[in-house]
């Protein structure tokens, strides 16, 4: 097994996400028991000279239940009709030991708040087709209610159906652009 070498900083230039080899998702504790996971099929991310910009089309949300997907698209959650995109923008990517820190602004359901992504970067490597590739794994935890996503149902035994704390994740494989 070959592991891509770790780097101390994100290389310069412009890098665009490879949608086939990248994922963007979220996890939220359901009924206080276990994390429910979902994601977005239609998204993009670009790093240009240290600036990271990413977005996802809300209506591309993925779950294993059509009814739940419909509810997530409704005004109770993402309100896809009025807020069709979520967006993250950061003006810097810095290192902290062997980790990367990406302070930026997340816009979700029309609300923009500061969010700090943390994770790892690996590469760059050259693939078999002579493309330079970079791996970037990032995560952050947000309070969904700060973004106006505050639908809730109380459980008969007390407690909440859906936690407010949501973990955001991005596993990106980026390709250097000419």
C-alpha atoms as a PDB file:
ATOM      1  CA  UNK A   1       0.000   0.000   0.000  1.00  0.00           C
ATOM      2  CA  UNK A   2       1.301   3.443  -0.917  1.00  0.00           C
ATOM      3  CA  UNK A   3       0.279   6.432   1.149  1.00  0.00           C
ATOM      4  CA  UNK A   4       0.511   9.886  -0.395  1.00  0.00           C
ATOM      5  CA  UNK A   5       3.055  12.052   1.366  1.00  0.00           C
ATOM      6  CA  UNK A   6       1.750  14.718   3.675  1.00  0.00           C
ATOM      7  CA  UNK A   7       2.548  18.343   2.917  1.00  0.00           C
ATOM      8  CA  UNK A   8       3.119  21.294   5.206  1.00  0.00           C
ATOM      9  CA  UNK A   9       1.068  23.744   3.138  1.00  0.00           C
ATOM     10  CA  UNK A  10      -1.381  23.713   0.280  1.00  0.00           C
ATOM     11  CA  UNK A  11       0.498  24.135  -2.993  1.00  0.00           C
ATOM     12  CA  UNK A  12      -0.043  27.263  -5.035  1.00  0.00           C
ATOM     13  CA  UNK A  13      -2.027  27.338  -8.236  1.00  0.00           C
ATOM     14  CA  UNK A  14      -5.639  26.493  -8.947  1.00  0.00           C
ATOM     15  CA  UNK A  15      -7.122  23.142  -7.923  1.00  0.00           C
ATOM     16  CA  UNK A  16     -10.676  21.954  -8.699  1.00  0.00           C
ATOM     17  CA  UNK A  17     -12.530  19.116  -7.018  1.00  0.00           C
ATOM     18  CA  UNK A  18     -12.931  15.835  -8.874  1.00  0.00           C
ATOM     19  CA  UNK A  19     -16.646  15.085  -8.290  1.00  0.00           C
ATOM     20  CA  UNK A  20     -16.221  11.334  -8.807  1.00  0.00           C
ATOM     21  CA  UNK A  21     -13.571  11.022  -6.094  1.00  0.00           C
ATOM     22  CA  UNK A  22     -14.893  13.618  -3.619  1.00  0.00           C
ATOM     23  CA  UNK A  23     -17.758  13.732  -1.121  1.00  0.00           C
ATOM     24  CA  UNK A  24     -19.498  16.405   0.923  1.00  0.00           C
ATOM     25  CA  UNK A  25     -21.711  15.333   3.779  1.00  0.00           C
ATOM     26  CA  UNK A  26     -23.150  15.861   7.224  1.00  0.00           C
ATOM     27  CA  UNK A  27     -23.990  13.832  10.306  1.00  0.00           C
ATOM     28  CA  UNK A  28     -26.495  14.661  13.026  1.00  0.00           C
ATOM     29  CA  UNK A  29     -27.512  12.581  16.052  1.00  0.00           C
ATOM     30  CA  UNK A  30     -31.048  11.211  15.616  1.00  0.00           C
ATOM     31  CA  UNK A  31     -33.227  10.580  18.697  1.00  0.00           C
ATOM     32  CA  UNK A  32     -30.108  10.787  20.847  1.00  0.00           C
ATOM     33  CA  UNK A  33     -28.995   7.385  19.586  1.00  0.00           C
ATOM     34  CA  UNK A  34     -26.795   7.383  16.515  1.00  0.00           C
ATOM     35  CA  UNK A  35     -25.639   9.761  13.803  1.00  0.00           C
ATOM     36  CA  UNK A  36     -27.812  10.076  10.723  1.00  0.00           C
ATOM     37  CA  UNK A  37     -25.667  10.772   7.658  1.00  0.00           C
ATOM     38  CA  UNK A  38     -26.516  12.514   4.427  1.00  0.00           C
ATOM     39  CA  UNK A  39     -24.692  14.325   1.693  1.00  0.00           C
ATOM     40  CA  UNK A  40     -24.892  16.306  -1.515  1.00  0.00           C
ATOM     41  CA  UNK A  41     -24.364  14.900  -5.008  1.00  0.00           C
ATOM     42  CA  UNK A  42     -23.938  18.213  -6.833  1.00  0.00           C
ATOM     43  CA  UNK A  43     -21.118  20.290  -5.349  1.00  0.00           C
ATOM     44  CA  UNK A  44     -17.827  21.874  -6.290  1.00  0.00           C
ATOM     45  CA  UNK A  45     -14.762  23.140  -4.497  1.00  0.00           C
ATOM     46  CA  UNK A  46     -11.828  25.168  -5.760  1.00  0.00           C
ATOM     47  CA  UNK A  47      -8.580  26.241  -4.193  1.00  0.00           C
ATOM     48  CA  UNK A  48      -6.943  29.160  -5.941  1.00  0.00           C
ATOM     49  CA  UNK A  49      -3.676  30.398  -4.413  1.00  0.00           C
ATOM     50  CA  UNK A  50      -4.720  29.551  -0.869  1.00  0.00           C
ATOM     51  CA  UNK A  51      -8.375  30.638  -1.127  1.00  0.00           C
ATOM     52  CA  UNK A  52     -10.978  27.866  -0.759  1.00  0.00           C
ATOM     53  CA  UNK A  53     -14.475  28.255  -2.193  1.00  0.00           C
ATOM     54  CA  UNK A  54     -17.034  25.483  -2.144  1.00  0.00           C
ATOM     55  CA  UNK A  55     -20.743  25.211  -2.812  1.00  0.00           C
ATOM     56  CA  UNK A  56     -23.448  22.557  -2.968  1.00  0.00           C
ATOM     57  CA  UNK A  57     -26.850  22.590  -4.613  1.00  0.00           C
ATOM     58  CA  UNK A  58     -29.364  21.908  -1.834  1.00  0.00           C
ATOM     59  CA  UNK A  59     -31.765  19.945  -4.033  1.00  0.00           C
ATOM     60  CA  UNK A  60     -28.981  17.392  -4.607  1.00  0.00           C
ATOM     61  CA  UNK A  61     -29.209  16.273  -0.962  1.00  0.00           C
ATOM     62  CA  UNK A  62     -28.955  12.510  -0.563  1.00  0.00           C
ATOM     63  CA  UNK A  63     -30.717  10.286   1.960  1.00  0.00           C
ATOM     64  CA  UNK A  64     -32.042   6.739   1.776  1.00  0.00           C
ATOM     65  CA  UNK A  65     -35.648   7.885   2.291  1.00  0.00           C
ATOM     66  CA  UNK A  66     -37.600   9.887  -0.299  1.00  0.00           C
ATOM     67  CA  UNK A  67     -40.003  11.272   2.318  1.00  0.00           C
ATOM     68  CA  UNK A  68     -37.139  12.443   4.522  1.00  0.00           C
ATOM     69  CA  UNK A  69     -35.401  14.017   1.531  1.00  0.00           C
ATOM     70  CA  UNK A  70     -38.589  15.983   0.794  1.00  0.00           C
ATOM     71  CA  UNK A  71     -38.769  17.159   4.406  1.00  0.00           C
ATOM     72  CA  UNK A  72     -35.108  18.253   4.362  1.00  0.00           C
ATOM     73  CA  UNK A  73     -35.766  20.314   1.207  1.00  0.00           C
ATOM     74  CA  UNK A  74     -38.767  22.043   2.849  1.00  0.00           C
ATOM     75  CA  UNK A  75     -38.727  25.331   4.808  1.00  0.00           C
ATOM     76  CA  UNK A  76     -38.460  23.268   8.038  1.00  0.00           C
ATOM     77  CA  UNK A  77     -34.849  22.493   7.133  1.00  0.00           C
ATOM     78  CA  UNK A  78     -32.892  23.751   4.082  1.00  0.00           C
ATOM     79  CA  UNK A  79     -35.748  25.604   2.279  1.00  0.00           C
ATOM     80  CA  UNK A  80     -34.302  24.664  -1.110  1.00  0.00           C
ATOM     81  CA  UNK A  81     -36.755  26.774  -3.098  1.00  0.00           C
ATOM     82  CA  UNK A  82     -35.660  30.054  -1.459  1.00  0.00           C
ATOM     83  CA  UNK A  83     -32.068  28.999  -0.655  1.00  0.00           C
ATOM     84  CA  UNK A  84     -30.902  26.686  -3.448  1.00  0.00           C
ATOM     85  CA  UNK A  85     -27.202  26.721  -2.529  1.00  0.00           C
ATOM     86  CA  UNK A  86     -25.009  26.430   0.517  1.00  0.00           C
ATOM     87  CA  UNK A  87     -21.578  28.015   0.302  1.00  0.00           C
ATOM     88  CA  UNK A  88     -18.257  28.140   2.139  1.00  0.00           C
ATOM     89  CA  UNK A  89     -15.551  30.736   1.442  1.00  0.00           C
ATOM     90  CA  UNK A  90     -12.141  31.064   3.083  1.00  0.00           C
ATOM     91  CA  UNK A  91      -9.348  33.500   2.314  1.00  0.00           C
ATOM     92  CA  UNK A  92      -6.639  31.342   3.873  1.00  0.00           C
ATOM     93  CA  UNK A  93      -5.605  27.797   4.502  1.00  0.00           C
ATOM     94  CA  UNK A  94      -2.975  27.542   7.196  1.00  0.00           C
ATOM     95  CA  UNK A  95      -1.116  24.717   8.858  1.00  0.00           C
ATOM     96  CA  UNK A  96      -1.113  23.817  12.541  1.00  0.00           C
ATOM     97  CA  UNK A  97       1.428  21.043  12.927  1.00  0.00           C
ATOM     98  CA  UNK A  98       0.340  18.248  10.595  1.00  0.00           C
ATOM     99  CA  UNK A  99      -3.218  19.632  10.341  1.00  0.00           C
ATOM    100  CA  UNK A 100      -4.758  22.350   8.202  1.00  0.00           C
ATOM    101  CA  UNK A 101      -7.027  25.063   9.547  1.00  0.00           C
ATOM    102  CA  UNK A 102      -9.434  26.851   7.234  1.00  0.00           C
ATOM    103  CA  UNK A 103     -11.279  29.776   8.850  1.00  0.00           C
ATOM    104  CA  UNK A 104     -14.094  30.982   6.634  1.00  0.00           C
ATOM    105  CA  UNK A 105     -17.728  31.907   6.212  1.00  0.00           C
ATOM    106  CA  UNK A 106     -20.521  29.361   5.776  1.00  0.00           C
ATOM    107  CA  UNK A 107     -23.789  30.471   4.191  1.00  0.00           C
ATOM    108  CA  UNK A 108     -26.674  28.132   4.847  1.00  0.00           C
ATOM    109  CA  UNK A 109     -30.373  28.927   4.470  1.00  0.00           C
ATOM    110  CA  UNK A 110     -29.540  32.602   3.920  1.00  0.00           C
ATOM    111  CA  UNK A 111     -27.478  32.932   7.131  1.00  0.00           C
ATOM    112  CA  UNK A 112     -23.726  33.533   6.989  1.00  0.00           C
ATOM    113  CA  UNK A 113     -21.612  32.643   9.999  1.00  0.00           C
ATOM    114  CA  UNK A 114     -17.903  32.089  10.694  1.00  0.00           C
ATOM    115  CA  UNK A 115     -16.910  28.420  10.653  1.00  0.00           C
ATOM    116  CA  UNK A 116     -13.466  26.914  11.077  1.00  0.00           C
ATOM    117  CA  UNK A 117     -12.786  23.757   9.104  1.00  0.00           C
ATOM    118  CA  UNK A 118      -9.959  21.510  10.300  1.00  0.00           C
ATOM    119  CA  UNK A 119      -8.369  18.526   8.675  1.00  0.00           C
ATOM    120  CA  UNK A 120      -5.510  17.158   6.657  1.00  0.00           C
ATOM    121  CA  UNK A 121      -3.950  17.680   3.280  1.00  0.00           C
ATOM    122  CA  UNK A 122      -2.020  15.047   1.364  1.00  0.00           C
ATOM    123  CA  UNK A 123      -0.056  15.158  -1.848  1.00  0.00           C
ATOM    124  CA  UNK A 124       0.344  16.481  -4.353  1.00  0.00           C
ATOM    125  CA  UNK A 125       0.942  13.382  -6.421  1.00  0.00           C
ATOM    126  CA  UNK A 126       1.004  12.764 -10.151  1.00  0.00           C
ATOM    127  CA  UNK A 127      -1.680  10.355 -11.353  1.00  0.00           C
ATOM    128  CA  UNK A 128      -1.195   7.873 -14.255  1.00  0.00           C
ATOM    129  CA  UNK A 129      -2.560  10.496 -16.683  1.00  0.00           C
ATOM    130  CA  UNK A 130       0.034  13.154 -15.714  1.00  0.00           C
ATOM    131  CA  UNK A 131      -2.423  15.221 -13.631  1.00  0.00           C
ATOM    132  CA  UNK A 132      -1.348  16.660 -10.289  1.00  0.00           C
ATOM    133  CA  UNK A 133      -3.781  15.680  -7.507  1.00  0.00           C
ATOM    134  CA  UNK A 134      -4.199  16.853  -3.946  1.00  0.00           C
ATOM    135  CA  UNK A 135      -6.226  15.342  -1.095  1.00  0.00           C
ATOM    136  CA  UNK A 136      -8.027  17.553   1.403  1.00  0.00           C
ATOM    137  CA  UNK A 137     -10.144  16.148   4.243  1.00  0.00           C
ATOM    138  CA  UNK A 138     -12.014  18.729   6.301  1.00  0.00           C
ATOM    139  CA  UNK A 139     -14.627  18.796   9.033  1.00  0.00           C
ATOM    140  CA  UNK A 140     -16.381  21.236  11.320  1.00  0.00           C
ATOM    141  CA  UNK A 141     -19.215  21.120  13.805  1.00  0.00           C
ATOM    142  CA  UNK A 142     -21.963  23.725  13.648  1.00  0.00           C
ATOM    143  CA  UNK A 143     -25.143  24.474  15.555  1.00  0.00           C
ATOM    144  CA  UNK A 144     -27.848  24.179  12.898  1.00  0.00           C
ATOM    145  CA  UNK A 145     -30.196  26.494  14.814  1.00  0.00           C
ATOM    146  CA  UNK A 146     -27.746  29.381  14.244  1.00  0.00           C
ATOM    147  CA  UNK A 147     -28.519  29.009  10.532  1.00  0.00           C
ATOM    148  CA  UNK A 148     -32.308  29.009  10.984  1.00  0.00           C
ATOM    149  CA  UNK A 149     -32.584  25.228  10.750  1.00  0.00           C
ATOM    150  CA  UNK A 150     -34.477  24.736  13.967  1.00  0.00           C
ATOM    151  CA  UNK A 151     -37.241  22.215  13.257  1.00  0.00           C
ATOM    152  CA  UNK A 152     -37.653  19.920  16.225  1.00  0.00           C
ATOM    153  CA  UNK A 153     -39.933  17.258  17.645  1.00  0.00           C
ATOM    154  CA  UNK A 154     -39.845  16.163  21.258  1.00  0.00           C
ATOM    155  CA  UNK A 155     -39.600  12.472  21.993  1.00  0.00           C
ATOM    156  CA  UNK A 156     -42.348  10.945  24.199  1.00  0.00           C
ATOM    157  CA  UNK A 157     -39.720  10.137  26.833  1.00  0.00           C
ATOM    158  CA  UNK A 158     -38.246  13.657  26.622  1.00  0.00           C
ATOM    159  CA  UNK A 159     -35.317  14.803  24.581  1.00  0.00           C
ATOM    160  CA  UNK A 160     -35.109  15.953  21.012  1.00  0.00           C
ATOM    161  CA  UNK A 161     -35.570  14.004  17.804  1.00  0.00           C
ATOM    162  CA  UNK A 162     -32.718  15.802  16.005  1.00  0.00           C
ATOM    163  CA  UNK A 163     -29.629  17.251  17.691  1.00  0.00           C
ATOM    164  CA  UNK A 164     -28.677  20.828  16.948  1.00  0.00           C
ATOM    165  CA  UNK A 165     -24.999  19.888  16.620  1.00  0.00           C
ATOM    166  CA  UNK A 166     -24.164  18.849  13.050  1.00  0.00           C
ATOM    167  CA  UNK A 167     -20.812  17.597  11.803  1.00  0.00           C
ATOM    168  CA  UNK A 168     -19.925  18.779   8.295  1.00  0.00           C
ATOM    169  CA  UNK A 169     -17.402  16.773   6.280  1.00  0.00           C
ATOM    170  CA  UNK A 170     -15.627  17.143   2.955  1.00  0.00           C
ATOM    171  CA  UNK A 171     -13.285  14.578   1.468  1.00  0.00           C
ATOM    172  CA  UNK A 172     -11.898  16.293  -1.590  1.00  0.00           C
ATOM    173  CA  UNK A 173      -9.615  15.051  -4.302  1.00  0.00           C
ATOM    174  CA  UNK A 174      -8.553  18.106  -6.260  1.00  0.00           C
ATOM    175  CA  UNK A 175      -6.917  18.276  -9.680  1.00  0.00           C
ATOM    176  CA  UNK A 176      -4.489  21.046 -10.592  1.00  0.00           C
ATOM    177  CA  UNK A 177      -5.822  23.211 -13.386  1.00  0.00           C
ATOM    178  CA  UNK A 178      -3.708  24.390 -16.316  1.00  0.00           C
END
